[in-house]
Amino acid sequence: MSQNILGVTLLKVYRLSSLASLKLNNSRLLKVVSKSSNERDLILQNEHRLRGSGALIRKD
C-alpha cells in the first residue's frame, strides 16, 4: 500500500516499539523524519489518503 507524495523525501524511519512488547493486534509506532517542516506539512495535508487503511498520523 505504498503511496507517493511528490516533493517529499523521508530521511529516516524508526520503529519505536519491539515485537516482544506488543500484545496481539496492536500497532507498532513509527517515527518518520522528513527533510523539512514544509514536507511534514505536505504529508499531514495528505493524510486523508490513509482513510480505511488503519494507519494514523500525528504531528510531533
PDB file of N, CA and C in Angstrom:
ATOM      1  N   MET A   1       0.830  -1.187   0.000  1.00  0.00           N
ATOM      2  CA  MET A   1       0.000   0.000   0.000  1.00  0.00           C
ATOM      3  C   MET A   1       0.870   1.244   0.000  1.00  0.00           C
ATOM      4  N   SER A   2       1.807   1.297  -0.836  1.00  0.00           N
ATOM      5  CA  SER A   2       2.714   2.426  -0.916  1.00  0.00           C
ATOM      6  C   SER A   2       2.048   3.583  -1.648  1.00  0.00           C
ATOM      7  N   GLN A   3       2.092   4.759  -1.058  1.00  0.00           N
ATOM      8  CA  GLN A   3       1.556   5.966  -1.678  1.00  0.00           C
ATOM      9  C   GLN A   3       2.695   6.947  -1.857  1.00  0.00           C
ATOM     10  N   ASN A   4       2.760   7.587  -3.002  1.00  0.00           N
ATOM     11  CA  ASN A   4       3.791   8.590  -3.238  1.00  0.00           C
ATOM     12  C   ASN A   4       3.191   9.975  -3.127  1.00  0.00           C
ATOM     13  N   ILE A   5       3.910  10.858  -2.465  1.00  0.00           N
ATOM     14  CA  ILE A   5       3.551  12.267  -2.404  1.00  0.00           C
ATOM     15  C   ILE A   5       4.709  13.009  -3.044  1.00  0.00           C
ATOM     16  N   LEU A   6       4.444  13.683  -4.149  1.00  0.00           N
ATOM     17  CA  LEU A   6       5.506  14.379  -4.864  1.00  0.00           C
ATOM     18  C   LEU A   6       6.136  15.458  -3.994  1.00  0.00           C
ATOM     19  N   GLY A   7       7.448  15.551  -4.035  1.00  0.00           N
ATOM     20  CA  GLY A   7       8.158  16.582  -3.298  1.00  0.00           C
ATOM     21  C   GLY A   7       8.486  16.224  -1.866  1.00  0.00           C
ATOM     22  N   VAL A   8       8.292  14.969  -1.471  1.00  0.00           N
ATOM     23  CA  VAL A   8       8.567  14.556  -0.094  1.00  0.00           C
ATOM     24  C   VAL A   8       9.687  13.522  -0.083  1.00  0.00           C
ATOM     25  N   THR A   9      10.687  13.775   0.757  1.00  0.00           N
ATOM     26  CA  THR A   9      11.789  12.841   0.943  1.00  0.00           C
ATOM     27  C   THR A   9      11.854  12.463   2.412  1.00  0.00           C
ATOM     28  N   LEU A  10      11.733  11.175   2.702  1.00  0.00           N
ATOM     29  CA  LEU A  10      11.856  10.708   4.080  1.00  0.00           C
ATOM     30  C   LEU A  10      13.313  10.390   4.341  1.00  0.00           C
ATOM     31  N   LEU A  11      13.877  11.019   5.369  1.00  0.00           N
ATOM     32  CA  LEU A  11      15.278  10.796   5.697  1.00  0.00           C
ATOM     33  C   LEU A  11      15.473   9.525   6.507  1.00  0.00           C
ATOM     34  N   LYS A  12      14.599   9.313   7.499  1.00  0.00           N
ATOM     35  CA  LYS A  12      14.729   8.146   8.371  1.00  0.00           C
ATOM     36  C   LYS A  12      13.358   7.711   8.861  1.00  0.00           C
ATOM     37  N   VAL A  13      13.239   6.417   9.142  1.00  0.00           N
ATOM     38  CA  VAL A  13      12.040   5.857   9.760  1.00  0.00           C
ATOM     39  C   VAL A  13      12.508   4.938  10.882  1.00  0.00           C
ATOM     40  N   TYR A  14      12.009   5.179  12.095  1.00  0.00           N
ATOM     41  CA  TYR A  14      12.394   4.397  13.275  1.00  0.00           C
ATOM     42  C   TYR A  14      11.188   3.641  13.804  1.00  0.00           C
ATOM     43  N   ARG A  15      11.376   2.395  14.216  1.00  0.00           N
ATOM     44  CA  ARG A  15      10.353   1.657  14.957  1.00  0.00           C
ATOM     45  C   ARG A  15      10.539   2.001  16.432  1.00  0.00           C
ATOM     46  N   LEU A  16       9.458   2.435  17.087  1.00  0.00           N
ATOM     47  CA  LEU A  16       9.553   2.855  18.481  1.00  0.00           C
ATOM     48  C   LEU A  16       9.150   1.763  19.464  1.00  0.00           C
ATOM     49  N   SER A  17       8.705   0.645  18.967  1.00  0.00           N
ATOM     50  CA  SER A  17       8.346  -0.458  19.858  1.00  0.00           C
ATOM     51  C   SER A  17       8.859  -1.758  19.254  1.00  0.00           C
ATOM     52  N   SER A  18       9.028  -2.749  20.102  1.00  0.00           N
ATOM     53  CA  SER A  18       9.523  -4.035  19.618  1.00  0.00           C
ATOM     54  C   SER A  18       8.371  -5.027  19.518  1.00  0.00           C
ATOM     55  N   LEU A  19       8.554  -6.062  18.721  1.00  0.00           N
ATOM     56  CA  LEU A  19       7.532  -7.101  18.599  1.00  0.00           C
ATOM     57  C   LEU A  19       7.291  -7.802  19.924  1.00  0.00           C
ATOM     58  N   ALA A  20       8.328  -7.939  20.727  1.00  0.00           N
ATOM     59  CA  ALA A  20       8.208  -8.647  22.003  1.00  0.00           C
ATOM     60  C   ALA A  20       7.308  -7.907  22.987  1.00  0.00           C
ATOM     61  N   SER A  21       7.238  -6.581  22.883  1.00  0.00           N
ATOM     62  CA  SER A  21       6.452  -5.799  23.834  1.00  0.00           C
ATOM     63  C   SER A  21       4.998  -5.625  23.398  1.00  0.00           C
ATOM     64  N   LEU A  22       4.632  -6.147  22.244  1.00  0.00           N
ATOM     65  CA  LEU A  22       3.277  -5.958  21.730  1.00  0.00           C
ATOM     66  C   LEU A  22       2.325  -7.043  22.208  1.00  0.00           C
ATOM     67  N   LYS A  23       1.085  -6.637  22.421  1.00  0.00           N
ATOM     68  CA  LYS A  23       0.011  -7.595  22.648  1.00  0.00           C
ATOM     69  C   LYS A  23      -0.574  -7.934  21.275  1.00  0.00           C
ATOM     70  N   LEU A  24      -1.389  -8.945  21.222  1.00  0.00           N
ATOM     71  CA  LEU A  24      -1.998  -9.321  19.946  1.00  0.00           C
ATOM     72  C   LEU A  24      -2.803  -8.171  19.359  1.00  0.00           C
ATOM     73  N   ASN A  25      -2.711  -7.982  18.061  1.00  0.00           N
ATOM     74  CA  ASN A  25      -3.476  -6.994  17.290  1.00  0.00           C
ATOM     75  C   ASN A  25      -3.156  -5.549  17.648  1.00  0.00           C
ATOM     76  N   ASN A  26      -2.005  -5.270  18.229  1.00  0.00           N
ATOM     77  CA  ASN A  26      -1.603  -3.891  18.485  1.00  0.00           C
ATOM     78  C   ASN A  26      -0.722  -3.394  17.350  1.00  0.00           C
ATOM     79  N   SER A  27      -0.718  -2.096  17.158  1.00  0.00           N
ATOM     80  CA  SER A  27       0.095  -1.489  16.108  1.00  0.00           C
ATOM     81  C   SER A  27       1.482  -1.164  16.633  1.00  0.00           C
ATOM     82  N   ARG A  28       2.438  -1.069  15.729  1.00  0.00           N
ATOM     83  CA  ARG A  28       3.790  -0.644  16.090  1.00  0.00           C
ATOM     84  C   ARG A  28       3.945   0.817  15.700  1.00  0.00           C
ATOM     85  N   LEU A  29       4.464   1.614  16.615  1.00  0.00           N
ATOM     86  CA  LEU A  29       4.670   3.027  16.355  1.00  0.00           C
ATOM     87  C   LEU A  29       5.910   3.236  15.498  1.00  0.00           C
ATOM     88  N   LEU A  30       5.821   4.207  14.582  1.00  0.00           N
ATOM     89  CA  LEU A  30       6.952   4.592  13.749  1.00  0.00           C
ATOM     90  C   LEU A  30       7.202   6.079  13.914  1.00  0.00           C
ATOM     91  N   LYS A  31       8.448   6.456  13.949  1.00  0.00           N
ATOM     92  CA  LYS A  31       8.837   7.856  13.919  1.00  0.00           C
ATOM     93  C   LYS A  31       9.424   8.106  12.536  1.00  0.00           C
ATOM     94  N   VAL A  32       8.857   9.072  11.809  1.00  0.00           N
ATOM     95  CA  VAL A  32       9.287   9.379  10.451  1.00  0.00           C
ATOM     96  C   VAL A  32       9.936  10.755  10.454  1.00  0.00           C
ATOM     97  N   VAL A  33      11.138  10.848   9.888  1.00  0.00           N
ATOM     98  CA  VAL A  33      11.872  12.110   9.817  1.00  0.00           C
ATOM     99  C   VAL A  33      11.864  12.577   8.370  1.00  0.00           C
ATOM    100  N   SER A  34      11.278  13.752   8.141  1.00  0.00           N
ATOM    101  CA  SER A  34      11.242  14.314   6.787  1.00  0.00           C
ATOM    102  C   SER A  34      12.364  15.324   6.618  1.00  0.00           C
ATOM    103  N   LYS A  35      12.555  15.748   5.389  1.00  0.00           N
ATOM    104  CA  LYS A  35      13.651  16.652   5.056  1.00  0.00           C
ATOM    105  C   LYS A  35      13.432  18.055   5.633  1.00  0.00           C
ATOM    106  N   SER A  36      12.175  18.505   5.684  1.00  0.00           N
ATOM    107  CA  SER A  36      11.891  19.857   6.178  1.00  0.00           C
ATOM    108  C   SER A  36      10.489  19.902   6.789  1.00  0.00           C
ATOM    109  N   SER A  37      10.201  20.995   7.466  1.00  0.00           N
ATOM    110  CA  SER A  37       8.866  21.152   8.054  1.00  0.00           C
ATOM    111  C   SER A  37       7.811  21.332   6.963  1.00  0.00           C
ATOM    112  N   ASN A  38       8.196  21.884   5.819  1.00  0.00           N
ATOM    113  CA  ASN A  38       7.248  22.014   4.704  1.00  0.00           C
ATOM    114  C   ASN A  38       6.825  20.643   4.193  1.00  0.00           C
ATOM    115  N   GLU A  39       7.771  19.711   4.123  1.00  0.00           N
ATOM    116  CA  GLU A  39       7.451  18.356   3.693  1.00  0.00           C
ATOM    117  C   GLU A  39       6.576  17.660   4.726  1.00  0.00           C
ATOM    118  N   ARG A  40       6.845  17.893   6.001  1.00  0.00           N
ATOM    119  CA  ARG A  40       5.996  17.341   7.061  1.00  0.00           C
ATOM    120  C   ARG A  40       4.561  17.831   6.895  1.00  0.00           C
ATOM    121  N   ASP A  41       4.405  19.124   6.646  1.00  0.00           N
ATOM    122  CA  ASP A  41       3.073  19.691   6.464  1.00  0.00           C
ATOM    123  C   ASP A  41       2.373  19.096   5.249  1.00  0.00           C
ATOM    124  N   LEU A  42       3.122  18.830   4.185  1.00  0.00           N
ATOM    125  CA  LEU A  42       2.560  18.218   2.986  1.00  0.00           C
ATOM    126  C   LEU A  42       2.049  16.809   3.286  1.00  0.00           C
ATOM    127  N   ILE A  43       2.793  16.061   4.080  1.00  0.00           N
ATOM    128  CA  ILE A  43       2.351  14.719   4.487  1.00  0.00           C
ATOM    129  C   ILE A  43       1.069  14.812   5.309  1.00  0.00           C
ATOM    130  N   LEU A  44       1.028  15.745   6.256  1.00  0.00           N
ATOM    131  CA  LEU A  44      -0.158  15.905   7.101  1.00  0.00           C
ATOM    132  C   LEU A  44      -1.376  16.332   6.288  1.00  0.00           C
ATOM    133  N   GLN A  45      -1.167  17.137   5.249  1.00  0.00           N
ATOM    134  CA  GLN A  45      -2.274  17.570   4.393  1.00  0.00           C
ATOM    135  C   GLN A  45      -2.843  16.415   3.572  1.00  0.00           C
ATOM    136  N   ASN A  46      -2.049  15.385   3.331  1.00  0.00           N
ATOM    137  CA  ASN A  46      -2.478  14.245   2.521  1.00  0.00           C
ATOM    138  C   ASN A  46      -2.894  13.036   3.348  1.00  0.00           C
ATOM    139  N   GLU A  47      -3.088  13.225   4.648  1.00  0.00           N
ATOM    140  CA  GLU A  47      -3.439  12.089   5.496  1.00  0.00           C
ATOM    141  C   GLU A  47      -4.809  11.507   5.157  1.00  0.00           C
ATOM    142  N   HIS A  48      -5.656  12.255   4.475  1.00  0.00           N
ATOM    143  CA  HIS A  48      -6.970  11.738   4.088  1.00  0.00           C
ATOM    144  C   HIS A  48      -6.853  10.523   3.161  1.00  0.00           C
ATOM    145  N   ARG A  49      -5.719  10.366   2.495  1.00  0.00           N
ATOM    146  CA  ARG A  49      -5.497   9.205   1.623  1.00  0.00           C
ATOM    147  C   ARG A  49      -5.382   7.901   2.419  1.00  0.00           C
ATOM    148  N   LEU A  50      -5.163   8.017   3.710  1.00  0.00           N
ATOM    149  CA  LEU A  50      -4.980   6.836   4.558  1.00  0.00           C
ATOM    150  C   LEU A  50      -6.281   6.316   5.162  1.00  0.00           C
ATOM    151  N   ARG A  51      -7.401   6.965   4.882  1.00  0.00           N
ATOM    152  CA  ARG A  51      -8.677   6.520   5.458  1.00  0.00           C
ATOM    153  C   ARG A  51      -8.936   5.061   5.126  1.00  0.00           C
ATOM    154  N   GLY A  52      -9.306   4.324   6.140  1.00  0.00           N
ATOM    155  CA  GLY A  52      -9.625   2.918   5.960  1.00  0.00           C
ATOM    156  C   GLY A  52      -8.423   1.995   5.941  1.00  0.00           C
ATOM    157  N   SER A  53      -7.217   2.549   6.053  1.00  0.00           N
ATOM    158  CA  SER A  53      -6.009   1.723   5.991  1.00  0.00           C
ATOM    159  C   SER A  53      -5.558   1.244   7.367  1.00  0.00           C
ATOM    160  N   GLY A  54      -6.075   1.863   8.418  1.00  0.00           N
ATOM    161  CA  GLY A  54      -5.633   1.513   9.762  1.00  0.00           C
ATOM    162  C   GLY A  54      -4.415   2.302  10.206  1.00  0.00           C
ATOM    163  N   ALA A  55      -3.884   3.157   9.335  1.00  0.00           N
ATOM    164  CA  ALA A  55      -2.714   3.976   9.672  1.00  0.00           C
ATOM    165  C   ALA A  55      -3.176   5.344  10.162  1.00  0.00           C
ATOM    166  N   LEU A  56      -2.516   5.851  11.183  1.00  0.00           N
ATOM    167  CA  LEU A  56      -2.825   7.169  11.732  1.00  0.00           C
ATOM    168  C   LEU A  56      -1.569   8.020  11.728  1.00  0.00           C
ATOM    169  N   ILE A  57      -1.738   9.325  11.513  1.00  0.00           N
ATOM    170  CA  ILE A  57      -0.610  10.258  11.511  1.00  0.00           C
ATOM    171  C   ILE A  57      -0.875  11.315  12.567  1.00  0.00           C
ATOM    172  N   ARG A  58       0.166  11.629  13.333  1.00  0.00           N
ATOM    173  CA  ARG A  58       0.094  12.683  14.340  1.00  0.00           C
ATOM    174  C   ARG A  58       1.319  13.559  14.240  1.00  0.00           C
ATOM    175  N   LYS A  59       1.126  14.867  14.365  1.00  0.00           N
ATOM    176  CA  LYS A  59       2.244  15.808  14.372  1.00  0.00           C
ATOM    177  C   LYS A  59       2.927  15.747  15.729  1.00  0.00           C
ATOM    178  N   ASP A  60       4.257  15.763  15.725  1.00  0.00           N
ATOM    179  CA  ASP A  60       5.012  15.702  16.968  1.00  0.00           C
ATOM    180  C   ASP A  60       5.426  17.086  17.388  1.00  0.00           C
TER     181      ASP A  60
END
